[in-house]
Protein backbone atom coordinates (compact mmCIF):
# COMPACT_ATOMS: atom_id res chain seq x y z
CA MET A 1 0.00 0.00 0.00
CA CYS A 2 1.30 3.46 -0.90
CA LEU A 3 1.54 5.90 1.98
CA VAL A 4 -0.41 8.54 0.05
CA SER A 5 -2.86 8.11 -2.83
CA GLU A 6 -2.33 10.98 -5.26
CA ILE A 7 -5.63 10.23 -7.00
CA LEU A 8 -7.58 10.55 -3.75
CA LYS A 9 -5.59 13.61 -2.76
CA GLU A 10 -6.66 15.32 -5.97
CA CYS A 11 -10.28 14.22 -5.44
CA TYR A 12 -10.12 15.78 -1.98
CA LYS A 13 -8.86 19.06 -3.46
CA ILE A 14 -11.75 19.17 -5.97
CA LEU A 15 -14.31 18.54 -3.21
CA THR A 16 -12.89 21.11 -0.79
CA GLU A 17 -12.73 23.73 -3.54
CA TYR A 18 -16.37 23.07 -4.41
CA HIS A 19 -17.76 22.99 -0.85
CA GLY A 20 -15.53 25.77 0.45
CA GLU A 21 -15.26 26.85 4.08
CA ASP A 22 -18.78 25.78 5.06
CA PRO A 23 -19.27 22.19 3.87
CA PRO A 24 -22.10 19.94 5.09
CA LYS A 25 -21.29 18.50 8.50
CA LEU A 26 -21.25 14.89 9.59
CA LYS A 27 -24.66 13.74 10.80
CA THR A 28 -24.23 10.00 11.35
CA ILE A 29 -21.48 7.40 10.96
CA SER A 30 -22.59 3.77 10.62
CA ARG A 31 -20.19 0.87 10.53
CA GLY A 32 -21.14 -2.54 9.17
CA PHE A 33 -19.25 -5.74 8.49
CA SER A 34 -18.91 -4.98 4.78
CA PHE A 35 -19.60 -1.26 4.45
CA ILE A 36 -19.18 2.11 6.13
CA GLY A 37 -22.16 4.48 5.83
CA ILE A 38 -21.98 8.26 6.21
CA GLN A 39 -24.79 10.81 6.26
CA LEU A 40 -24.23 14.55 6.08
CA THR A 41 -26.38 17.36 7.45
CA ASP A 42 -27.64 18.19 3.93
CA MET A 43 -29.13 14.66 3.96
CA THR A 44 -26.79 13.25 1.33
CA SER A 45 -25.14 9.92 2.07
CA GLY A 46 -22.11 7.94 0.99
CA ILE A 47 -20.74 4.45 1.46
CA ALA A 48 -17.42 2.69 1.12
CA SER A 49 -16.42 -0.94 1.39
CA ALA A 50 -14.92 -2.03 4.69
CA GLU A 51 -11.92 -4.36 4.57
CA ARG A 52 -13.03 -7.31 6.69
CA ASP A 53 -9.54 -8.41 7.67
CA TRP A 54 -8.62 -5.10 9.30
CA PRO A 55 -9.59 -4.24 12.88
CA HIS A 56 -12.93 -2.41 12.87
CA GLU A 57 -12.47 -0.55 16.12
CA PHE A 58 -12.25 3.15 15.47
CA PRO A 59 -12.91 4.74 18.88
CA VAL A 60 -11.76 8.21 17.83
CA PHE A 61 -14.76 8.61 15.53
CA LEU A 62 -17.34 6.29 17.08
CA LYS A 63 -19.31 6.47 20.33
CA LYS A 64 -19.32 10.25 20.30
CA THR A 65 -22.17 12.71 20.48
CA ASP A 66 -23.09 14.68 17.36
CA LYS A 67 -21.41 17.82 18.61
CA ASP A 68 -18.16 15.92 19.06
CA LEU A 69 -18.04 14.43 15.58
CA PRO A 70 -14.86 15.32 13.69
CA SER A 71 -14.66 17.84 10.88
CA VAL A 72 -15.92 16.42 7.59
CA TYR A 73 -12.69 17.48 5.90
CA ALA A 74 -10.52 15.95 8.64
CA LEU A 75 -12.20 12.59 8.11
CA ALA A 76 -12.21 12.85 4.32
CA LYS A 77 -8.49 13.56 4.36
CA LEU A 78 -7.88 10.08 5.77
CA ALA A 79 -8.93 8.62 2.42
CA TYR A 80 -5.60 9.56 0.88
CA GLU A 81 -3.23 9.77 3.85
CA GLY A 82 -4.74 7.28 6.31
CA GLN A 83 -4.10 3.58 6.75
CA GLY A 84 -6.31 0.53 7.15
CA MET A 85 -9.89 1.26 8.13
CA GLU A 86 -9.14 4.98 8.27
CA VAL A 87 -9.11 4.94 4.46
CA CYS A 88 -12.56 3.30 4.38
CA TYR A 89 -14.06 5.99 6.61
CA GLY A 90 -12.43 8.72 4.56
CA LEU A 91 -13.72 7.26 1.29
CA ALA A 92 -17.27 7.07 2.66
CA VAL A 93 -17.13 10.77 3.56
CA MET A 94 -15.71 11.68 0.15
CA SER A 95 -18.52 9.65 -1.45
CA ALA A 96 -21.09 11.66 0.50
CA LEU A 97 -19.42 14.97 -0.40
CA THR A 98 -19.33 13.93 -4.07
CA THR A 99 -23.02 12.98 -3.96
CA SER A 100 -23.80 16.39 -2.47
CA MET A 101 -21.88 18.07 -5.29
CA LEU A 102 -23.62 15.99 -7.98
CA LYS A 103 -27.07 16.72 -6.61
CA ASN A 104 -26.47 20.45 -6.42
CA SER A 105 -24.58 21.16 -9.63
CA ASP A 106 -24.40 20.16 -13.29
CA LYS A 107 -20.62 19.87 -13.23
CA TYR A 108 -20.58 16.42 -14.89
CA GLU A 109 -22.52 14.47 -17.47
CA ILE A 110 -23.70 11.44 -15.53
CA ILE A 111 -24.51 8.06 -17.05
CA GLU A 112 -27.58 6.85 -15.14
CA ASP A 113 -27.99 3.22 -14.05
CA ALA A 114 -24.48 2.71 -15.36
CA GLU A 115 -23.61 -0.88 -16.28
CA ILE A 116 -20.06 -1.19 -17.53
CA ILE A 117 -20.78 -4.05 -19.95
CA ASP A 118 -23.71 -2.25 -21.58
CA THR A 119 -21.63 0.92 -21.86
CA TRP A 120 -18.70 -0.85 -23.54
CA LYS A 121 -19.88 -3.96 -25.35
CA ASP A 122 -20.62 -2.49 -28.79
CA LYS A 123 -17.46 -0.42 -29.04
CA PHE A 124 -14.75 -1.70 -26.72
CA LEU A 125 -15.08 -5.48 -26.30
CA PRO A 126 -13.76 -7.43 -29.30
CA GLU A 127 -13.53 -11.16 -28.72
CA GLU A 128 -9.73 -11.34 -28.76
CA ASP A 129 -9.31 -9.12 -25.70
CA VAL A 130 -7.65 -10.12 -22.43
CA VAL A 131 -9.59 -8.57 -19.56
CA ALA A 132 -7.99 -8.11 -16.14
CA ILE A 133 -10.29 -7.81 -13.12
CA VAL A 134 -8.95 -6.58 -9.79
CA GLY A 135 -11.19 -7.30 -6.82
CA ALA A 136 -14.48 -9.14 -6.45
CA MET A 137 -17.23 -8.27 -8.90
CA PRO A 138 -20.01 -10.38 -10.49
CA LEU A 139 -18.95 -9.80 -14.09
CA PHE A 140 -17.42 -13.11 -15.15
CA SER A 141 -20.42 -14.61 -16.97
CA ARG A 142 -21.31 -11.32 -18.69
CA LEU A 143 -17.75 -10.67 -19.81
CA LYS A 144 -16.99 -14.10 -21.22
CA PRO A 145 -18.81 -13.69 -24.58
CA TYR A 146 -16.79 -10.55 -25.29
CA CYS A 147 -13.23 -11.57 -24.45
CA PHE A 148 -10.65 -14.28 -25.02
CA ARG A 149 -9.23 -14.50 -21.49
CA ILE A 150 -10.19 -13.19 -18.07
CA LEU A 151 -7.48 -12.63 -15.47
CA LEU A 152 -8.39 -12.13 -11.81
CA LEU A 153 -6.25 -10.54 -9.10
CA ASP A 154 -7.99 -10.74 -5.73
CA MET A 155 -6.46 -11.76 -2.42
CA HIS A 156 -9.94 -12.85 -1.29
CA ALA A 157 -10.76 -15.02 -4.31
CA ASP A 158 -11.15 -18.02 -2.00
CA ARG A 159 -14.28 -16.45 -0.48
CA TYR A 160 -16.48 -16.81 -3.58
CA PRO A 161 -16.86 -19.19 -6.53
CA VAL A 162 -14.51 -18.38 -9.40
CA PRO A 163 -15.33 -19.98 -12.78
CA GLU A 164 -12.77 -22.55 -13.93
CA ASP A 165 -11.94 -20.60 -17.09
CA VAL A 166 -10.95 -17.50 -15.12
CA GLU A 167 -7.17 -17.35 -14.58
CA LEU A 168 -6.05 -16.34 -11.09
CA VAL A 169 -2.90 -14.25 -10.82
CA ASP A 170 -1.10 -13.49 -7.58
CA SER A 171 0.45 -10.10 -8.31
CA VAL A 172 -0.01 -7.02 -10.45
CA GLU A 173 2.87 -8.23 -12.66
CA GLY A 174 0.50 -10.94 -13.92
CA LEU A 175 -1.75 -8.30 -15.50
CA THR A 176 0.71 -6.85 -18.02
CA GLU A 177 -1.00 -8.66 -20.94
CA ALA A 178 -4.35 -7.01 -20.25
CA ASP A 179 -6.09 -5.15 -23.07
CA ILE A 180 -8.76 -3.97 -20.60
CA LEU A 181 -8.40 -3.29 -16.88
CA ILE A 182 -11.41 -3.25 -14.53
CA ALA A 183 -10.56 -2.49 -10.90
CA THR A 184 -12.91 -2.25 -7.94
CA GLY A 185 -12.83 0.32 -5.16
CA SER A 186 -10.58 -2.04 -3.19
CA SER A 187 -7.69 -0.63 -5.22
CA LEU A 188 -8.47 2.77 -3.70
CA ILE A 189 -8.69 1.33 -0.21
CA TYR A 190 -5.28 -0.28 -0.63
CA HIS A 191 -3.88 2.82 -2.39
CA SER A 192 -2.86 0.63 -5.32
CA THR A 193 -4.86 2.23 -8.17
CA GLU A 194 -1.87 4.19 -9.46
CA GLU A 195 0.27 1.04 -9.55
CA LEU A 196 -2.40 -0.89 -11.46
CA ILE A 197 -2.60 1.86 -14.06
CA GLU A 198 1.19 1.96 -14.41
CA LYS A 199 1.60 -1.83 -14.63
CA THR A 200 -0.97 -2.27 -17.42
CA PRO A 201 0.49 -0.07 -20.18
CA LYS A 202 -0.98 -2.24 -22.95
CA ALA A 203 -4.54 -1.72 -21.73
CA ARG A 204 -6.36 0.63 -24.09
CA LEU A 205 -9.34 0.81 -21.77
CA LYS A 206 -9.31 1.16 -17.97
CA ALA A 207 -12.12 1.44 -15.45
CA VAL A 208 -12.46 1.80 -11.70
CA ILE A 209 -15.92 0.91 -10.41
CA GLY A 210 -17.84 0.15 -7.24
CA PRO A 211 -19.70 1.85 -4.36
CA SER A 212 -16.41 3.21 -3.00
CA VAL A 213 -15.71 5.02 -6.29
CA THR A 214 -18.30 7.79 -6.05
CA LEU A 215 -15.66 10.43 -6.63
CA PRO A 216 -14.78 13.30 -8.99
CA PRO A 217 -13.56 11.63 -12.20
CA GLU A 218 -10.86 14.09 -13.33
CA PRO A 219 -7.95 12.56 -11.32
CA PHE A 220 -8.75 9.19 -12.93
CA TRP A 221 -9.22 10.59 -16.42
CA LYS A 222 -5.85 12.38 -16.40
CA ARG A 223 -4.15 9.02 -15.68
CA GLY A 224 -5.82 7.21 -18.55
CA VAL A 225 -8.88 5.74 -16.79
CA GLN A 226 -11.80 6.16 -19.19
CA PHE A 227 -14.69 4.96 -17.02
CA VAL A 228 -15.38 5.77 -13.36
CA GLY A 229 -18.42 4.06 -11.91
CA GLY A 230 -19.93 4.79 -8.51
CA ALA A 231 -23.33 5.11 -6.88
CA MET A 232 -25.69 7.64 -5.38
CA ILE A 233 -27.83 6.80 -2.37
CA GLU A 234 -31.38 8.07 -2.81
CA ASP A 235 -32.95 6.60 0.34
CA GLU A 236 -31.31 6.72 3.76
CA ARG A 237 -32.97 3.40 4.64
CA PHE A 238 -30.46 1.82 2.30
CA ILE A 239 -27.67 2.82 4.69
CA GLN A 240 -29.62 1.46 7.67
CA ALA A 241 -30.19 -1.90 6.02
CA LEU A 242 -26.74 -2.15 4.51
CA VAL A 243 -24.85 -1.78 7.77
CA ALA A 244 -27.38 -3.57 9.98
CA GLU A 245 -25.62 -6.92 9.85
CA ASN A 246 -22.81 -5.71 12.07
CA MET A 247 -24.71 -3.36 14.32
CA MET A 248 -27.38 -5.41 16.09
CA ASP A 249 -28.54 -8.00 13.56
CA ASN A 250 -27.13 -11.29 12.42
CA TRP A 251 -26.83 -11.97 8.69
CA GLU A 252 -30.26 -13.65 8.37
CA THR A 253 -32.00 -10.71 10.06
CA PHE A 254 -30.11 -8.30 7.83
CA LEU A 255 -31.29 -10.05 4.67
CA LYS A 256 -34.90 -10.03 5.85
CA LYS A 257 -34.70 -6.34 6.72
CA ARG A 258 -33.18 -5.46 3.35
CA LYS A 259 -35.90 -7.40 1.52
CA LYS A 260 -38.67 -5.74 3.55
CA LEU A 261 -37.31 -2.25 2.88
CA LYS A 262 -36.79 -3.09 -0.81
CA VAL A 263 -33.29 -1.72 -0.81
CA GLY A 264 -30.42 -3.23 -2.71
CA PHE A 265 -27.81 -2.79 -5.40
CA GLY A 266 -29.99 -2.12 -8.42
CA LYS A 267 -32.81 -0.21 -10.06
CA ASP A 268 -35.87 0.93 -8.10
CA THR A 269 -34.01 0.76 -4.82
CA GLY A 270 -32.30 3.25 -2.57
CA PHE A 271 -29.06 2.76 -4.48
CA ARG A 272 -28.56 4.21 -7.98
CA LYS A 273 -25.57 3.27 -10.12
CA ILE A 274 -23.90 6.14 -11.95
CA GLY A 275 -20.88 6.49 -14.19
CA PHE A 276 -18.59 8.98 -15.87
CA LEU A 277 -17.19 8.13 -19.29
CA LYS A 278 -14.31 10.17 -20.67
CA SER A 279 -15.19 11.41 -24.14
């Protein structure tokens, strides 16, 4: 992991310049087993993935009254200069600040309900391509008709079923053949996005996607990433259900609650996929 993520540092600069000296304040911080949820006083929310293998205790920012919550900028800054779970909290705040900016300005052209395969398949996915995936994402079956080989770099690949025709690699050096790179927000959490971009010079198309990637796209675009895919939370109940499994509910209760509230990762829910495609 790099000590400082330059991409996230530049995202922070864009957000602080937009929000100025009086940004929305932190309203609630919710920590789940898989996600961190943040809500701001302007009622916008953000989430970021939580790395399960890192200690989740964060007493500096939890178990405090509202008036004692840290500055929104102080917490956001941890996204690029923090370590471990600090980065996850910082990313969740930056996601909320980005959502606030998107809802209150027309700064970017947003692709609604953004699905990376639908966005790319007609133009960017010839059958001879080698596609490198970094991190867990349910794209294998949808990608296979459009590419020759699929490479997967994920230290947690043993936690989910990986199709037999997907080739596992154990380091970024195994991705140098990639014609297309698709990285999840885990690369931001581990401050490895810049290395992935550098180590895949052959890739003519690069994307960083996931709930943790609701960020200003310019720092990605300037480094050759064409597609940045994140999410906007439209219903605060989504946050409540999403983090419930590690607050007071076991996994079964969490799933029942999510189904009852009709919140999830898709259309007609409290969670709306968005994307930014560099022209």
